[in-house]
Amino acid sequence: MIEEWLKSGAYLPAIMRDFHDQKDLFKAMHETIDVEEHEYARKVDCVTGHCYVIDVFLWFMARRGYTLQRSRAKLDFYDLDATIEMCNARRIHRHEGEDVKDDDEPLDTGAPRVEACIDAVMKEFPGTSAAAQARYFEAVHQELAPLARELERENIALRAMLSPVVAKDSKRVPLDPTPAMLDVAVSFALNVRINREYNWSAYMADVYRRMIAAA
């Protein structure tokens, strides 16, 4: 039974069970971490590392009851999905030759908080090498993710503030009276007598209240 479990790949985290997802993950790791500066890791290419970790190390540990799990610690971790998506996008752009020229005019996006975030990260990662650029792109995506969530929350709050406000003692009613509202008004009118004690103003106020209640 345990052999079937291992063969199914269920011992791997969900994000690593698909072969193509594994490839994207290990490519992102090699593009983000400067392995060339590591005495031993620089000898390991992306494909070799992929095969060894998935087919040897994690399988060996799983057979003995240990599996890879996301930490439950309440810490400011980097977003793995964001890192992989960023690296995938960079590879596509490189393949399509979409390089930004240094002399291009800066784009006014109308988003000063986003631009300030990007500028701050650029100052921390000024290098132009592939490894430095990879570290920059990961860092900027990790900074932009929480900012995007904050902006979305603000957007929702502002939309709520701009929506029509209904007082506690009020209710929304249709512009045109519904059949139920008309039935209430007619039924009331057929049983009312206008006199000095009960004038037209009092009658209209009562009709209005009954129609609103029936809305």
N, C-alpha and C. Protein backbone atom coordinates (compact mmCIF):
# COMPACT_ATOMS: atom_id res chain seq x y z
N MET A 1 0.83 -1.21 0.00
CA MET A 1 0.00 0.00 0.00
C MET A 1 0.86 1.25 0.00
N ILE A 2 1.94 1.23 0.78
CA ILE A 2 2.80 2.41 0.82
C ILE A 2 3.48 2.64 -0.52
N GLU A 3 3.75 1.55 -1.25
CA GLU A 3 4.38 1.70 -2.56
C GLU A 3 3.44 2.40 -3.54
N GLU A 4 2.16 2.11 -3.44
CA GLU A 4 1.16 2.78 -4.29
C GLU A 4 1.08 4.26 -3.95
N TRP A 5 1.15 4.55 -2.65
CA TRP A 5 1.12 5.94 -2.19
C TRP A 5 2.32 6.71 -2.73
N LEU A 6 3.49 6.09 -2.67
CA LEU A 6 4.69 6.73 -3.19
C LEU A 6 4.61 6.90 -4.70
N LYS A 7 4.16 5.88 -5.39
CA LYS A 7 4.07 5.92 -6.84
C LYS A 7 3.09 6.99 -7.31
N SER A 8 2.04 7.26 -6.52
CA SER A 8 1.04 8.26 -6.91
C SER A 8 1.56 9.69 -6.76
N GLY A 9 2.65 9.84 -6.00
CA GLY A 9 3.19 11.18 -5.78
C GLY A 9 2.46 11.94 -4.69
N ALA A 10 1.58 11.28 -3.95
CA ALA A 10 0.79 11.95 -2.92
C ALA A 10 1.65 12.44 -1.76
N TYR A 11 2.86 11.95 -1.66
CA TYR A 11 3.75 12.41 -0.59
C TYR A 11 4.32 13.79 -0.87
N LEU A 12 4.15 14.27 -2.10
CA LEU A 12 4.66 15.59 -2.48
C LEU A 12 3.60 16.66 -2.18
N PRO A 13 4.02 17.90 -1.92
CA PRO A 13 3.05 18.99 -1.80
C PRO A 13 2.26 19.12 -3.10
N ALA A 14 1.04 19.60 -3.01
CA ALA A 14 0.17 19.70 -4.20
C ALA A 14 0.83 20.47 -5.33
N ILE A 15 1.61 21.48 -4.99
CA ILE A 15 2.23 22.32 -6.02
C ILE A 15 3.35 21.59 -6.75
N MET A 16 3.77 20.41 -6.25
CA MET A 16 4.88 19.68 -6.84
C MET A 16 4.48 18.33 -7.41
N ARG A 17 3.21 18.03 -7.50
CA ARG A 17 2.80 16.70 -7.95
C ARG A 17 2.73 16.59 -9.48
N ASP A 18 2.55 17.70 -10.14
CA ASP A 18 2.54 17.69 -11.60
C ASP A 18 3.96 17.90 -12.12
N PHE A 19 4.35 17.12 -13.11
CA PHE A 19 5.72 17.19 -13.63
C PHE A 19 6.06 18.58 -14.16
N HIS A 20 5.11 19.20 -14.86
CA HIS A 20 5.36 20.53 -15.43
C HIS A 20 5.49 21.58 -14.32
N ASP A 21 4.70 21.42 -13.25
CA ASP A 21 4.83 22.33 -12.11
C ASP A 21 6.19 22.17 -11.44
N GLN A 22 6.67 20.93 -11.39
CA GLN A 22 8.00 20.69 -10.83
C GLN A 22 9.07 21.41 -11.66
N LYS A 23 8.97 21.29 -12.99
CA LYS A 23 9.94 21.94 -13.87
C LYS A 23 9.95 23.45 -13.64
N ASP A 24 8.76 24.05 -13.56
CA ASP A 24 8.67 25.50 -13.34
C ASP A 24 9.30 25.88 -12.01
N LEU A 25 9.07 25.06 -10.99
CA LEU A 25 9.61 25.36 -9.66
C LEU A 25 11.14 25.33 -9.66
N PHE A 26 11.72 24.28 -10.24
CA PHE A 26 13.18 24.15 -10.21
C PHE A 26 13.85 25.17 -11.14
N LYS A 27 13.19 25.52 -12.24
CA LYS A 27 13.72 26.59 -13.09
C LYS A 27 13.74 27.91 -12.33
N ALA A 28 12.64 28.19 -11.63
CA ALA A 28 12.55 29.44 -10.86
C ALA A 28 13.61 29.48 -9.77
N MET A 29 13.85 28.33 -9.12
CA MET A 29 14.84 28.28 -8.06
C MET A 29 16.23 28.56 -8.61
N HIS A 30 16.57 27.97 -9.74
CA HIS A 30 17.89 28.18 -10.32
C HIS A 30 18.06 29.58 -10.89
N GLU A 31 16.96 30.21 -11.31
CA GLU A 31 17.05 31.57 -11.84
C GLU A 31 17.09 32.59 -10.71
N THR A 32 16.54 32.24 -9.58
CA THR A 32 16.47 33.18 -8.45
C THR A 32 17.72 33.14 -7.57
N ILE A 33 18.20 31.95 -7.32
CA ILE A 33 19.38 31.79 -6.47
C ILE A 33 20.64 31.72 -7.33
N ASP A 34 21.64 32.48 -6.97
CA ASP A 34 22.88 32.52 -7.74
C ASP A 34 23.74 31.31 -7.36
N VAL A 35 23.46 30.17 -8.00
CA VAL A 35 24.19 28.94 -7.68
C VAL A 35 25.64 29.00 -8.14
N GLU A 36 25.96 29.90 -9.07
CA GLU A 36 27.33 30.00 -9.58
C GLU A 36 28.31 30.39 -8.48
N GLU A 37 27.81 31.05 -7.44
CA GLU A 37 28.67 31.47 -6.35
C GLU A 37 28.83 30.40 -5.28
N HIS A 38 28.13 29.27 -5.45
CA HIS A 38 28.23 28.17 -4.48
C HIS A 38 29.23 27.14 -5.00
N GLU A 39 30.16 26.76 -4.15
CA GLU A 39 31.25 25.90 -4.58
C GLU A 39 30.77 24.57 -5.16
N TYR A 40 29.71 24.00 -4.57
CA TYR A 40 29.24 22.69 -5.01
C TYR A 40 27.96 22.77 -5.84
N ALA A 41 27.05 23.67 -5.45
CA ALA A 41 25.76 23.75 -6.14
C ALA A 41 25.92 24.21 -7.59
N ARG A 42 26.99 24.95 -7.90
CA ARG A 42 27.17 25.42 -9.27
C ARG A 42 27.41 24.28 -10.26
N LYS A 43 27.77 23.11 -9.72
CA LYS A 43 28.00 21.95 -10.57
C LYS A 43 26.69 21.22 -10.91
N VAL A 44 25.60 21.63 -10.24
CA VAL A 44 24.30 20.96 -10.42
C VAL A 44 23.41 21.80 -11.31
N ASP A 45 23.02 21.26 -12.45
CA ASP A 45 22.11 22.00 -13.33
C ASP A 45 20.67 21.79 -12.88
N CYS A 46 19.77 22.53 -13.49
CA CYS A 46 18.35 22.52 -13.09
C CYS A 46 17.74 21.13 -13.21
N VAL A 47 18.01 20.44 -14.30
CA VAL A 47 17.41 19.12 -14.54
C VAL A 47 17.92 18.09 -13.55
N THR A 48 19.24 18.11 -13.31
CA THR A 48 19.82 17.16 -12.36
C THR A 48 19.26 17.39 -10.95
N GLY A 49 19.20 18.66 -10.54
CA GLY A 49 18.66 18.98 -9.22
C GLY A 49 17.22 18.55 -9.09
N HIS A 50 16.44 18.77 -10.15
CA HIS A 50 15.03 18.38 -10.18
C HIS A 50 14.90 16.88 -9.94
N CYS A 51 15.61 16.08 -10.71
CA CYS A 51 15.50 14.62 -10.61
C CYS A 51 15.97 14.11 -9.25
N TYR A 52 17.06 14.67 -8.75
CA TYR A 52 17.60 14.19 -7.48
C TYR A 52 16.64 14.49 -6.33
N VAL A 53 16.13 15.72 -6.27
CA VAL A 53 15.27 16.11 -5.16
C VAL A 53 13.96 15.33 -5.18
N ILE A 54 13.30 15.26 -6.34
CA ILE A 54 11.99 14.61 -6.43
C ILE A 54 12.09 13.10 -6.35
N ASP A 55 12.96 12.53 -7.18
CA ASP A 55 13.00 11.07 -7.32
C ASP A 55 13.87 10.36 -6.29
N VAL A 56 14.78 11.10 -5.65
CA VAL A 56 15.68 10.45 -4.70
C VAL A 56 15.43 10.95 -3.28
N PHE A 57 15.70 12.24 -3.05
CA PHE A 57 15.67 12.75 -1.68
C PHE A 57 14.27 12.69 -1.07
N LEU A 58 13.28 13.33 -1.72
CA LEU A 58 11.94 13.38 -1.13
C LEU A 58 11.30 11.99 -1.07
N TRP A 59 11.59 11.15 -2.08
CA TRP A 59 11.07 9.78 -2.06
C TRP A 59 11.68 9.00 -0.89
N PHE A 60 12.99 9.13 -0.71
CA PHE A 60 13.69 8.46 0.38
C PHE A 60 13.11 8.87 1.73
N MET A 61 12.89 10.18 1.93
CA MET A 61 12.35 10.67 3.19
C MET A 61 10.91 10.23 3.39
N ALA A 62 10.10 10.26 2.32
CA ALA A 62 8.69 9.88 2.43
C ALA A 62 8.55 8.41 2.80
N ARG A 63 9.43 7.56 2.27
CA ARG A 63 9.38 6.12 2.58
C ARG A 63 9.61 5.89 4.07
N ARG A 64 10.21 6.86 4.72
CA ARG A 64 10.50 6.77 6.14
C ARG A 64 9.61 7.68 6.98
N GLY A 65 8.54 8.19 6.35
CA GLY A 65 7.53 8.92 7.10
C GLY A 65 7.68 10.43 7.16
N TYR A 66 8.60 10.98 6.38
CA TYR A 66 8.79 12.44 6.39
C TYR A 66 8.36 13.02 5.05
N THR A 67 7.54 14.07 5.11
CA THR A 67 7.09 14.74 3.89
C THR A 67 7.34 16.24 3.99
N LEU A 68 7.42 16.88 2.84
CA LEU A 68 7.66 18.32 2.76
C LEU A 68 6.33 19.05 2.95
N GLN A 69 6.28 19.96 3.92
CA GLN A 69 5.05 20.70 4.20
C GLN A 69 5.34 22.18 4.35
N ARG A 70 4.32 23.00 4.09
CA ARG A 70 4.46 24.43 4.25
C ARG A 70 4.52 24.77 5.74
N SER A 71 5.39 25.67 6.11
CA SER A 71 5.54 26.05 7.51
C SER A 71 4.29 26.76 8.02
N ARG A 72 3.93 26.48 9.27
CA ARG A 72 2.78 27.14 9.90
C ARG A 72 3.22 28.35 10.72
N ALA A 73 4.50 28.66 10.72
CA ALA A 73 5.00 29.81 11.47
C ALA A 73 4.41 31.10 10.90
N LYS A 74 4.03 32.02 11.76
CA LYS A 74 3.45 33.29 11.34
C LYS A 74 4.58 34.28 11.02
N LEU A 75 5.23 34.07 9.89
CA LEU A 75 6.36 34.90 9.48
C LEU A 75 6.12 35.44 8.07
N ASP A 76 6.90 36.42 7.70
CA ASP A 76 6.74 37.09 6.41
C ASP A 76 7.47 36.32 5.32
N PHE A 77 6.89 35.17 4.90
CA PHE A 77 7.51 34.34 3.88
C PHE A 77 7.30 34.93 2.48
N TYR A 78 8.21 34.59 1.57
CA TYR A 78 8.00 34.93 0.17
C TYR A 78 6.88 34.05 -0.39
N ASP A 79 6.20 34.56 -1.40
CA ASP A 79 5.10 33.84 -2.04
C ASP A 79 5.67 32.96 -3.16
N LEU A 80 5.58 31.64 -3.00
CA LEU A 80 6.15 30.71 -3.98
C LEU A 80 5.47 30.84 -5.34
N ASP A 81 4.14 30.93 -5.35
CA ASP A 81 3.42 31.07 -6.62
C ASP A 81 3.84 32.33 -7.36
N ALA A 82 3.99 33.43 -6.62
CA ALA A 82 4.40 34.69 -7.24
C ALA A 82 5.79 34.57 -7.84
N THR A 83 6.70 33.89 -7.14
CA THR A 83 8.06 33.72 -7.64
C THR A 83 8.06 32.91 -8.94
N ILE A 84 7.32 31.81 -8.96
CA ILE A 84 7.27 30.96 -10.16
C ILE A 84 6.64 31.70 -11.33
N GLU A 85 5.54 32.41 -11.08
CA GLU A 85 4.87 33.17 -12.15
C GLU A 85 5.79 34.25 -12.70
N MET A 86 6.53 34.91 -11.82
CA MET A 86 7.44 35.95 -12.25
C MET A 86 8.53 35.39 -13.15
N CYS A 87 9.11 34.26 -12.74
CA CYS A 87 10.18 33.65 -13.54
C CYS A 87 9.64 33.14 -14.88
N ASN A 88 8.46 32.57 -14.88
CA ASN A 88 7.86 32.12 -16.14
C ASN A 88 7.65 33.29 -17.08
N ALA A 89 7.17 34.41 -16.55
CA ALA A 89 6.93 35.60 -17.38
C ALA A 89 8.24 36.14 -17.94
N ARG A 90 9.30 36.13 -17.13
CA ARG A 90 10.59 36.63 -17.59
C ARG A 90 11.13 35.78 -18.73
N ARG A 91 10.95 34.46 -18.64
CA ARG A 91 11.42 33.59 -19.72
C ARG A 91 10.65 33.84 -21.01
N ILE A 92 9.35 34.05 -20.88
CA ILE A 92 8.53 34.35 -22.07
C ILE A 92 8.98 35.65 -22.71
N HIS A 93 9.21 36.67 -21.88
CA HIS A 93 9.64 37.97 -22.40
C HIS A 93 11.00 37.88 -23.08
N ARG A 94 11.90 37.11 -22.49
CA ARG A 94 13.22 36.95 -23.10
C ARG A 94 13.10 36.24 -24.43
N HIS A 95 12.23 35.24 -24.48
CA HIS A 95 12.03 34.49 -25.72
C HIS A 95 11.45 35.38 -26.82
N GLU A 96 10.57 36.28 -26.43
CA GLU A 96 9.94 37.17 -27.41
C GLU A 96 10.76 38.42 -27.68
N GLY A 97 11.87 38.57 -26.95
CA GLY A 97 12.74 39.72 -27.18
C GLY A 97 12.16 41.02 -26.67
N GLU A 98 11.37 40.98 -25.62
CA GLU A 98 10.73 42.19 -25.09
C GLU A 98 11.62 42.83 -24.04
N ASP A 99 12.72 43.41 -24.46
CA ASP A 99 13.63 44.09 -23.55
C ASP A 99 13.29 45.57 -23.49
N VAL A 100 13.39 46.17 -22.32
CA VAL A 100 13.11 47.59 -22.14
C VAL A 100 14.39 48.38 -22.33
N LYS A 101 14.37 49.36 -23.19
CA LYS A 101 15.56 50.18 -23.44
C LYS A 101 15.79 51.15 -22.29
N ASP A 102 17.07 51.39 -22.03
CA ASP A 102 17.42 52.29 -20.93
C ASP A 102 16.96 53.71 -21.17
N ASP A 103 16.87 54.11 -22.45
CA ASP A 103 16.52 55.50 -22.74
C ASP A 103 15.03 55.69 -22.94
N ASP A 104 14.22 54.68 -22.63
CA ASP A 104 12.77 54.84 -22.74
C ASP A 104 12.29 55.84 -21.72
N GLU A 105 11.28 56.62 -22.09
CA GLU A 105 10.70 57.59 -21.17
C GLU A 105 9.96 56.85 -20.07
N PRO A 106 10.10 57.27 -18.83
CA PRO A 106 9.37 56.59 -17.74
C PRO A 106 7.87 56.72 -17.94
N LEU A 107 7.17 55.66 -17.68
CA LEU A 107 5.73 55.63 -17.87
C LEU A 107 5.02 56.16 -16.64
N ASP A 108 4.13 57.14 -16.85
CA ASP A 108 3.33 57.67 -15.76
C ASP A 108 2.11 56.77 -15.59
N THR A 109 2.17 55.90 -14.62
CA THR A 109 1.09 54.92 -14.43
C THR A 109 -0.05 55.46 -13.59
N GLY A 110 0.15 56.61 -12.95
CA GLY A 110 -0.88 57.12 -12.07
C GLY A 110 -1.00 56.29 -10.80
N ALA A 111 0.05 55.55 -10.47
CA ALA A 111 0.05 54.70 -9.27
C ALA A 111 1.32 54.98 -8.48
N PRO A 112 1.39 56.11 -7.79
CA PRO A 112 2.63 56.51 -7.11
C PRO A 112 3.10 55.53 -6.05
N ARG A 113 2.18 54.89 -5.33
CA ARG A 113 2.60 53.95 -4.28
C ARG A 113 3.26 52.72 -4.90
N VAL A 114 2.74 52.27 -6.02
CA VAL A 114 3.35 51.13 -6.70
C VAL A 114 4.73 51.50 -7.24
N GLU A 115 4.82 52.67 -7.88
CA GLU A 115 6.10 53.11 -8.44
C GLU A 115 7.14 53.31 -7.33
N ALA A 116 6.72 53.84 -6.19
CA ALA A 116 7.64 54.05 -5.08
C ALA A 116 8.16 52.72 -4.55
N CYS A 117 7.29 51.72 -4.51
CA CYS A 117 7.68 50.39 -4.08
C CYS A 117 8.72 49.80 -5.03
N ILE A 118 8.47 49.92 -6.32
CA ILE A 118 9.41 49.38 -7.32
C ILE A 118 10.75 50.11 -7.25
N ASP A 119 10.71 51.44 -7.14
CA ASP A 119 11.95 52.22 -7.07
C ASP A 119 12.79 51.83 -5.85
N ALA A 120 12.12 51.61 -4.72
CA ALA A 120 12.84 51.25 -3.50
C ALA A 120 13.55 49.91 -3.65
N VAL A 121 12.88 48.95 -4.29
CA VAL A 121 13.49 47.63 -4.48
C VAL A 121 14.63 47.72 -5.50
N MET A 122 14.48 48.54 -6.52
CA MET A 122 15.53 48.70 -7.53
C MET A 122 16.81 49.22 -6.90
N LYS A 123 16.68 50.11 -5.92
CA LYS A 123 17.86 50.65 -5.25
C LYS A 123 18.57 49.58 -4.42
N GLU A 124 17.81 48.61 -3.93
CA GLU A 124 18.41 47.54 -3.14
C GLU A 124 19.10 46.50 -4.03
N PHE A 125 18.65 46.39 -5.27
CA PHE A 125 19.21 45.40 -6.20
C PHE A 125 19.63 46.10 -7.49
N PRO A 126 20.75 46.82 -7.45
CA PRO A 126 21.17 47.60 -8.62
C PRO A 126 21.92 46.80 -9.68
N GLY A 127 22.25 45.56 -9.41
CA GLY A 127 23.06 44.77 -10.34
C GLY A 127 22.36 44.53 -11.67
N THR A 128 23.15 44.23 -12.69
CA THR A 128 22.59 43.99 -14.03
C THR A 128 22.82 42.55 -14.49
N SER A 129 23.49 41.74 -13.69
CA SER A 129 23.72 40.35 -14.07
C SER A 129 22.40 39.58 -14.02
N ALA A 130 22.39 38.41 -14.64
CA ALA A 130 21.17 37.61 -14.66
C ALA A 130 20.74 37.23 -13.25
N ALA A 131 21.72 36.88 -12.41
CA ALA A 131 21.40 36.49 -11.03
C ALA A 131 20.85 37.68 -10.24
N ALA A 132 21.50 38.86 -10.42
CA ALA A 132 21.04 40.05 -9.71
C ALA A 132 19.64 40.45 -10.15
N GLN A 133 19.41 40.36 -11.45
CA GLN A 133 18.08 40.69 -11.97
C GLN A 133 17.03 39.71 -11.45
N ALA A 134 17.41 38.44 -11.33
CA ALA A 134 16.47 37.44 -10.81
C ALA A 134 16.12 37.76 -9.37
N ARG A 135 17.12 38.14 -8.57
CA ARG A 135 16.86 38.50 -7.17
C ARG A 135 15.98 39.74 -7.09
N TYR A 136 16.23 40.70 -7.99
CA TYR A 136 15.39 41.91 -8.01
C TYR A 136 13.94 41.58 -8.34
N PHE A 137 13.73 40.77 -9.39
CA PHE A 137 12.37 40.46 -9.80
C PHE A 137 11.62 39.70 -8.71
N GLU A 138 12.30 38.80 -8.02
CA GLU A 138 11.62 38.09 -6.94
C GLU A 138 11.27 39.06 -5.81
N ALA A 139 12.23 39.91 -5.44
CA ALA A 139 11.99 40.84 -4.34
C ALA A 139 10.85 41.81 -4.65
N VAL A 140 10.84 42.34 -5.86
CA VAL A 140 9.81 43.33 -6.21
C VAL A 140 8.43 42.68 -6.24
N HIS A 141 8.35 41.43 -6.68
CA HIS A 141 7.05 40.75 -6.68
C HIS A 141 6.59 40.47 -5.26
N GLN A 142 7.53 40.14 -4.39
CA GLN A 142 7.15 39.89 -3.01
C GLN A 142 6.68 41.16 -2.32
N GLU A 143 7.22 42.31 -2.73
CA GLU A 143 6.80 43.59 -2.15
C GLU A 143 5.47 44.04 -2.74
N LEU A 144 5.27 43.77 -4.02
CA LEU A 144 4.05 44.22 -4.69
C LEU A 144 2.83 43.40 -4.28
N ALA A 145 3.03 42.14 -3.93
CA ALA A 145 1.89 41.28 -3.57
C ALA A 145 1.09 41.84 -2.39
N PRO A 146 1.73 42.15 -1.24
CA PRO A 146 0.95 42.72 -0.13
C PRO A 146 0.40 44.10 -0.44
N LEU A 147 1.13 44.89 -1.26
CA LEU A 147 0.63 46.21 -1.64
C LEU A 147 -0.63 46.07 -2.48
N ALA A 148 -0.63 45.10 -3.39
CA ALA A 148 -1.81 44.89 -4.22
C ALA A 148 -3.01 44.49 -3.38
N ARG A 149 -2.78 43.65 -2.36
CA ARG A 149 -3.89 43.26 -1.48
C ARG A 149 -4.41 44.46 -0.69
N GLU A 150 -3.48 45.31 -0.24
CA GLU A 150 -3.88 46.50 0.51
C GLU A 150 -4.69 47.44 -0.37
N LEU A 151 -4.25 47.62 -1.61
CA LEU A 151 -4.97 48.50 -2.54
C LEU A 151 -6.36 47.94 -2.85
N GLU A 152 -6.46 46.63 -2.97
CA GLU A 152 -7.77 46.03 -3.25
C GLU A 152 -8.72 46.23 -2.07
N ARG A 153 -8.19 46.07 -0.84
CA ARG A 153 -9.04 46.31 0.33
C ARG A 153 -9.52 47.75 0.38
N GLU A 154 -8.61 48.69 0.06
CA GLU A 154 -8.99 50.10 0.04
C GLU A 154 -10.05 50.36 -1.03
N ASN A 155 -9.89 49.72 -2.17
CA ASN A 155 -10.85 49.89 -3.27
C ASN A 155 -12.24 49.42 -2.86
N ILE A 156 -12.29 48.27 -2.18
CA ILE A 156 -13.58 47.74 -1.72
C ILE A 156 -14.21 48.69 -0.70
N ALA A 157 -13.38 49.21 0.21
CA ALA A 157 -13.90 50.12 1.24
C ALA A 157 -14.43 51.41 0.61
N LEU A 158 -13.70 51.94 -0.36
CA LEU A 158 -14.14 53.18 -1.01
C LEU A 158 -15.42 52.97 -1.80
N ARG A 159 -15.53 51.83 -2.47
CA ARG A 159 -16.76 51.55 -3.22
C ARG A 159 -17.96 51.45 -2.28
N ALA A 160 -17.71 50.87 -1.11
CA ALA A 160 -18.80 50.76 -0.13
C ALA A 160 -19.22 52.14 0.36
N MET A 161 -18.24 53.05 0.53
CA MET A 161 -18.55 54.40 0.99
C MET A 161 -19.33 55.18 -0.06
N LEU A 162 -19.06 54.91 -1.33
CA LEU A 162 -19.71 55.65 -2.41
C LEU A 162 -21.08 55.08 -2.77
N SER A 163 -21.39 53.87 -2.32
CA SER A 163 -22.68 53.28 -2.64
C SER A 163 -23.78 54.02 -1.87
N PRO A 164 -25.02 53.97 -2.37
CA PRO A 164 -26.12 54.67 -1.69
C PRO A 164 -26.25 54.22 -0.24
N VAL A 165 -26.38 55.20 0.66
CA VAL A 165 -26.50 54.92 2.08
C VAL A 165 -27.97 54.82 2.46
N VAL A 166 -28.32 53.76 3.16
CA VAL A 166 -29.70 53.57 3.60
C VAL A 166 -29.74 53.72 5.11
N ALA A 167 -30.55 54.66 5.61
CA ALA A 167 -30.66 54.88 7.05
C ALA A 167 -31.27 53.66 7.72
N LYS A 168 -31.03 53.54 9.03
CA LYS A 168 -31.53 52.39 9.76
C LYS A 168 -33.05 52.29 9.71
N ASP A 169 -33.74 53.45 9.70
CA ASP A 169 -35.20 53.43 9.70
C ASP A 169 -35.76 53.56 8.29
N SER A 170 -34.96 53.26 7.28
CA SER A 170 -35.39 53.35 5.89
C SER A 170 -35.27 51.99 5.23
N LYS A 171 -35.84 51.87 4.04
CA LYS A 171 -35.72 50.65 3.26
C LYS A 171 -35.75 51.01 1.78
N ARG A 172 -35.19 50.15 0.97
CA ARG A 172 -35.19 50.37 -0.48
C ARG A 172 -36.56 49.98 -1.03
N VAL A 173 -37.10 50.82 -1.92
CA VAL A 173 -38.39 50.53 -2.52
C VAL A 173 -38.29 50.74 -4.03
N PRO A 174 -39.11 50.04 -4.81
CA PRO A 174 -39.07 50.21 -6.27
C PRO A 174 -39.59 51.58 -6.68
N LEU A 175 -39.13 52.05 -7.84
CA LEU A 175 -39.60 53.34 -8.35
C LEU A 175 -41.08 53.27 -8.69
N ASP A 176 -41.51 52.16 -9.25
CA ASP A 176 -42.92 51.97 -9.59
C ASP A 176 -43.55 51.02 -8.59
N PRO A 177 -44.79 51.29 -8.16
CA PRO A 177 -45.44 50.43 -7.18
C PRO A 177 -45.68 49.02 -7.72
N THR A 178 -45.46 48.05 -6.89
CA THR A 178 -45.69 46.66 -7.28
C THR A 178 -47.17 46.34 -7.14
N PRO A 179 -47.65 45.23 -7.72
CA PRO A 179 -49.06 44.84 -7.56
C PRO A 179 -49.45 44.70 -6.09
N ALA A 180 -48.54 44.18 -5.26
CA ALA A 180 -48.85 44.03 -3.84
C ALA A 180 -49.05 45.38 -3.17
N MET A 181 -48.23 46.37 -3.56
CA MET A 181 -48.36 47.71 -3.00
C MET A 181 -49.68 48.34 -3.42
N LEU A 182 -50.07 48.15 -4.67
CA LEU A 182 -51.33 48.71 -5.16
C LEU A 182 -52.53 48.05 -4.49
N ASP A 183 -52.46 46.73 -4.28
CA ASP A 183 -53.55 46.02 -3.60
C ASP A 183 -53.77 46.57 -2.20
N VAL A 184 -52.67 46.82 -1.49
CA VAL A 184 -52.77 47.36 -0.13
C VAL A 184 -53.40 48.74 -0.16
N ALA A 185 -52.99 49.57 -1.12
CA ALA A 185 -53.51 50.94 -1.20
C ALA A 185 -55.01 50.95 -1.52
N VAL A 186 -55.42 50.12 -2.48
CA VAL A 186 -56.84 50.07 -2.86
C VAL A 186 -57.68 49.53 -1.72
N SER A 187 -57.21 48.45 -1.08
CA SER A 187 -57.95 47.85 0.02
C SER A 187 -58.14 48.86 1.16
N PHE A 188 -57.11 49.62 1.43
CA PHE A 188 -57.21 50.63 2.48
C PHE A 188 -58.18 51.74 2.09
N ALA A 189 -58.08 52.18 0.81
CA ALA A 189 -58.93 53.29 0.35
C ALA A 189 -60.41 52.94 0.42
N LEU A 190 -60.75 51.68 0.14
CA LEU A 190 -62.15 51.27 0.13
C LEU A 190 -62.77 51.24 1.53
N ASN A 191 -61.95 51.33 2.53
CA ASN A 191 -62.46 51.26 3.90
C ASN A 191 -62.18 52.54 4.69
N VAL A 192 -61.99 53.66 3.98
CA VAL A 192 -61.66 54.92 4.63
C VAL A 192 -62.74 55.96 4.32
N ARG A 193 -63.06 56.77 5.33
CA ARG A 193 -63.96 57.91 5.14
C ARG A 193 -63.22 59.18 5.51
N ILE A 194 -63.23 60.14 4.60
CA ILE A 194 -62.55 61.42 4.84
C ILE A 194 -63.53 62.34 5.56
N ASN A 195 -63.09 62.91 6.65
CA ASN A 195 -63.91 63.85 7.41
C ASN A 195 -63.00 64.86 8.10
N ARG A 196 -63.58 65.64 9.00
CA ARG A 196 -62.79 66.68 9.66
C ARG A 196 -61.71 66.08 10.56
N GLU A 197 -62.03 64.97 11.19
CA GLU A 197 -61.04 64.34 12.06
C GLU A 197 -59.97 63.59 11.28
N TYR A 198 -60.37 63.05 10.13
CA TYR A 198 -59.42 62.26 9.31
C TYR A 198 -59.41 62.86 7.91
N ASN A 199 -58.49 63.81 7.68
CA ASN A 199 -58.46 64.53 6.41
C ASN A 199 -57.60 63.81 5.37
N TRP A 200 -57.49 64.48 4.19
CA TRP A 200 -56.74 63.89 3.09
C TRP A 200 -55.25 63.72 3.41
N SER A 201 -54.69 64.63 4.13
CA SER A 201 -53.27 64.53 4.49
C SER A 201 -53.00 63.29 5.33
N ALA A 202 -53.86 63.05 6.32
CA ALA A 202 -53.71 61.87 7.16
C ALA A 202 -53.91 60.60 6.34
N TYR A 203 -54.90 60.66 5.43
CA TYR A 203 -55.16 59.51 4.57
C TYR A 203 -53.93 59.18 3.70
N MET A 204 -53.33 60.20 3.04
CA MET A 204 -52.18 59.97 2.16
C MET A 204 -50.98 59.44 2.95
N ALA A 205 -50.80 59.94 4.17
CA ALA A 205 -49.69 59.46 4.99
C ALA A 205 -49.87 57.98 5.33
N ASP A 206 -51.12 57.59 5.64
CA ASP A 206 -51.38 56.19 5.96
C ASP A 206 -51.22 55.29 4.72
N VAL A 207 -51.70 55.76 3.59
CA VAL A 207 -51.52 54.98 2.35
C VAL A 207 -50.04 54.79 2.05
N TYR A 208 -49.27 55.84 2.19
CA TYR A 208 -47.83 55.79 1.91
C TYR A 208 -47.15 54.74 2.82
N ARG A 209 -47.45 54.80 4.11
CA ARG A 209 -46.84 53.88 5.05
C ARG A 209 -47.20 52.43 4.73
N ARG A 210 -48.45 52.19 4.37
CA ARG A 210 -48.89 50.83 4.04
C ARG A 210 -48.26 50.32 2.75
N MET A 211 -48.11 51.19 1.77
CA MET A 211 -47.49 50.78 0.51
C MET A 211 -46.01 50.48 0.70
N ILE A 212 -45.35 51.29 1.52
CA ILE A 212 -43.93 51.05 1.79
C ILE A 212 -43.76 49.73 2.52
N ALA A 213 -44.63 49.43 3.46
CA ALA A 213 -44.56 48.19 4.22
C ALA A 213 -44.74 46.97 3.31
N ALA A 214 -45.55 47.15 2.26
CA ALA A 214 -45.84 46.04 1.34
C ALA A 214 -44.78 45.90 0.24
N ALA A 215 -43.82 46.83 0.17
CA ALA A 215 -42.82 46.80 -0.90
C ALA A 215 -41.88 45.61 -0.73
